Amino acid sequence: MITLLLLTLLYFLPSIVGKDKKDAGAIFLVNLLLGWTVVGWVAAMVWACAADHPVYVRYLVPAGGRFCSHCGTPAAAVVHYCASCGTRM
């Protein structure tokens, strides 16, 4: 009996993880209808763990700094050659 309960909880784990998401109903349906396949269960779990909104990261350039035009490495304004690739700045 306990084994059946644990297997049921494991089967519906994506629905439990994604219960607070805006697509919780859709995650539950995918989990319910396709969760018996490994691909459907993994897809529901990935969807449940994914962020609702994309997270954008802002990179701030140091004051007076610039980037290498060849490799994109940040460098100080007074440098004439890139420290990573050696290209003239």
C-alpha atoms as a PDB file:
ATOM      1  CA  MET A   1       0.000   0.000   0.000  1.00  0.00           C
ATOM      2  CA  ILE A   2       2.825   2.411   0.896  1.00  0.00           C
ATOM      3  CA  THR A   3       4.636   1.455  -2.306  1.00  0.00           C
ATOM      4  CA  LEU A   4       1.571   2.368  -4.381  1.00  0.00           C
ATOM      5  CA  LEU A   5       1.326   5.726  -2.616  1.00  0.00           C
ATOM      6  CA  LEU A   6       5.009   6.472  -3.217  1.00  0.00           C
ATOM      7  CA  LEU A   7       4.757   5.496  -6.897  1.00  0.00           C
ATOM      8  CA  THR A   8       1.697   7.735  -7.306  1.00  0.00           C
ATOM      9  CA  LEU A   9       3.546  10.651  -5.698  1.00  0.00           C
ATOM     10  CA  LEU A  10       6.534  10.026  -7.966  1.00  0.00           C
ATOM     11  CA  TYR A  11       4.271   9.880 -11.033  1.00  0.00           C
ATOM     12  CA  PHE A  12       2.636  13.215 -10.163  1.00  0.00           C
ATOM     13  CA  LEU A  13       5.866  14.887  -9.013  1.00  0.00           C
ATOM     14  CA  PRO A  14       5.890  17.338 -11.980  1.00  0.00           C
ATOM     15  CA  SER A  15       2.353  18.437 -11.073  1.00  0.00           C
ATOM     16  CA  ILE A  16       3.355  18.904  -7.449  1.00  0.00           C
ATOM     17  CA  VAL A  17       6.466  20.901  -8.349  1.00  0.00           C
ATOM     18  CA  GLY A  18       4.560  23.114 -10.811  1.00  0.00           C
ATOM     19  CA  LYS A  19       1.443  23.700  -8.706  1.00  0.00           C
ATOM     20  CA  ASP A  20       2.131  27.437  -8.255  1.00  0.00           C
ATOM     21  CA  LYS A  21       2.884  28.188 -11.909  1.00  0.00           C
ATOM     22  CA  LYS A  22       0.472  29.970 -14.222  1.00  0.00           C
ATOM     23  CA  ASP A  23       0.362  26.846 -16.458  1.00  0.00           C
ATOM     24  CA  ALA A  24      -0.296  24.437 -13.592  1.00  0.00           C
ATOM     25  CA  GLY A  25      -3.405  22.994 -15.265  1.00  0.00           C
ATOM     26  CA  ALA A  26      -1.596  22.268 -18.507  1.00  0.00           C
ATOM     27  CA  ILE A  27       1.336  20.732 -16.657  1.00  0.00           C
ATOM     28  CA  PHE A  28      -1.127  18.499 -14.795  1.00  0.00           C
ATOM     29  CA  LEU A  29      -2.795  17.407 -18.047  1.00  0.00           C
ATOM     30  CA  VAL A  30       0.517  16.577 -19.712  1.00  0.00           C
ATOM     31  CA  ASN A  31       1.563  14.706 -16.595  1.00  0.00           C
ATOM     32  CA  LEU A  32      -1.744  12.838 -16.375  1.00  0.00           C
ATOM     33  CA  LEU A  33      -2.068  11.913 -20.063  1.00  0.00           C
ATOM     34  CA  LEU A  34       1.557  11.515 -21.145  1.00  0.00           C
ATOM     35  CA  GLY A  35       3.330  10.894 -17.857  1.00  0.00           C
ATOM     36  CA  TRP A  36       3.261   7.137 -18.366  1.00  0.00           C
ATOM     37  CA  THR A  37       5.834   7.635 -21.124  1.00  0.00           C
ATOM     38  CA  VAL A  38       9.272   8.633 -19.960  1.00  0.00           C
ATOM     39  CA  VAL A  39       9.374  11.477 -22.489  1.00  0.00           C
ATOM     40  CA  GLY A  40       6.038  12.883 -21.305  1.00  0.00           C
ATOM     41  CA  TRP A  41       7.054  12.715 -17.649  1.00  0.00           C
ATOM     42  CA  VAL A  42      10.409  14.405 -18.328  1.00  0.00           C
ATOM     43  CA  ALA A  43       8.712  17.085 -20.454  1.00  0.00           C
ATOM     44  CA  ALA A  44       6.229  17.816 -17.661  1.00  0.00           C
ATOM     45  CA  MET A  45       9.057  17.968 -15.109  1.00  0.00           C
ATOM     46  CA  VAL A  46      11.141  20.342 -17.230  1.00  0.00           C
ATOM     47  CA  TRP A  47       8.084  22.533 -17.787  1.00  0.00           C
ATOM     48  CA  ALA A  48       7.332  22.531 -14.059  1.00  0.00           C
ATOM     49  CA  CYS A  49      10.906  23.518 -13.176  1.00  0.00           C
ATOM     50  CA  ALA A  50      11.258  26.210 -15.853  1.00  0.00           C
ATOM     51  CA  ALA A  51      10.849  29.883 -14.952  1.00  0.00           C
ATOM     52  CA  ASP A  52       7.574  31.639 -15.806  1.00  0.00           C
ATOM     53  CA  HIS A  53       9.378  34.721 -17.046  1.00  0.00           C
ATOM     54  CA  PRO A  54      12.773  34.933 -18.726  1.00  0.00           C
ATOM     55  CA  VAL A  55      15.447  36.341 -16.473  1.00  0.00           C
ATOM     56  CA  TYR A  56      17.594  38.971 -18.128  1.00  0.00           C
ATOM     57  CA  VAL A  57      21.065  39.647 -16.815  1.00  0.00           C
ATOM     58  CA  ARG A  58      22.583  43.055 -17.327  1.00  0.00           C
ATOM     59  CA  TYR A  59      26.323  43.269 -17.689  1.00  0.00           C
ATOM     60  CA  LEU A  60      27.758  46.580 -16.612  1.00  0.00           C
ATOM     61  CA  VAL A  61      30.948  47.714 -18.295  1.00  0.00           C
ATOM     62  CA  PRO A  62      33.534  49.162 -15.909  1.00  0.00           C
ATOM     63  CA  ALA A  63      33.784  52.943 -16.100  1.00  0.00           C
ATOM     64  CA  GLY A  64      35.826  53.863 -19.160  1.00  0.00           C
ATOM     65  CA  GLY A  65      36.019  50.232 -20.222  1.00  0.00           C
ATOM     66  CA  ARG A  66      35.432  48.678 -23.605  1.00  0.00           C
ATOM     67  CA  PHE A  67      35.209  45.270 -25.250  1.00  0.00           C
ATOM     68  CA  CYS A  68      37.582  43.520 -27.638  1.00  0.00           C
ATOM     69  CA  SER A  69      36.096  43.567 -31.135  1.00  0.00           C
ATOM     70  CA  HIS A  70      37.447  40.081 -31.831  1.00  0.00           C
ATOM     71  CA  CYS A  71      36.626  37.983 -28.737  1.00  0.00           C
ATOM     72  CA  GLY A  72      34.355  40.289 -26.689  1.00  0.00           C
ATOM     73  CA  THR A  73      36.452  40.254 -23.528  1.00  0.00           C
ATOM     74  CA  PRO A  74      36.079  43.415 -21.400  1.00  0.00           C
ATOM     75  CA  ALA A  75      39.242  45.508 -21.109  1.00  0.00           C
ATOM     76  CA  ALA A  76      40.291  48.800 -19.556  1.00  0.00           C
ATOM     77  CA  ALA A  77      40.241  51.915 -21.739  1.00  0.00           C
ATOM     78  CA  VAL A  78      44.022  52.383 -21.625  1.00  0.00           C
ATOM     79  CA  VAL A  79      44.876  48.914 -23.006  1.00  0.00           C
ATOM     80  CA  HIS A  80      45.945  48.692 -26.658  1.00  0.00           C
ATOM     81  CA  TYR A  81      45.926  44.863 -27.006  1.00  0.00           C
ATOM     82  CA  CYS A  82      43.422  42.313 -25.735  1.00  0.00           C
ATOM     83  CA  ALA A  83      44.795  40.190 -22.886  1.00  0.00           C
ATOM     84  CA  SER A  84      42.798  37.118 -24.066  1.00  0.00           C
ATOM     85  CA  CYS A  85      43.379  36.987 -27.808  1.00  0.00           C
ATOM     86  CA  GLY A  86      46.098  39.584 -28.441  1.00  0.00           C
ATOM     87  CA  THR A  87      44.085  41.548 -31.025  1.00  0.00           C
ATOM     88  CA  ARG A  88      44.785  45.273 -31.314  1.00  0.00           C
ATOM     89  CA  MET A  89      41.974  47.223 -29.648  1.00  0.00           C
END
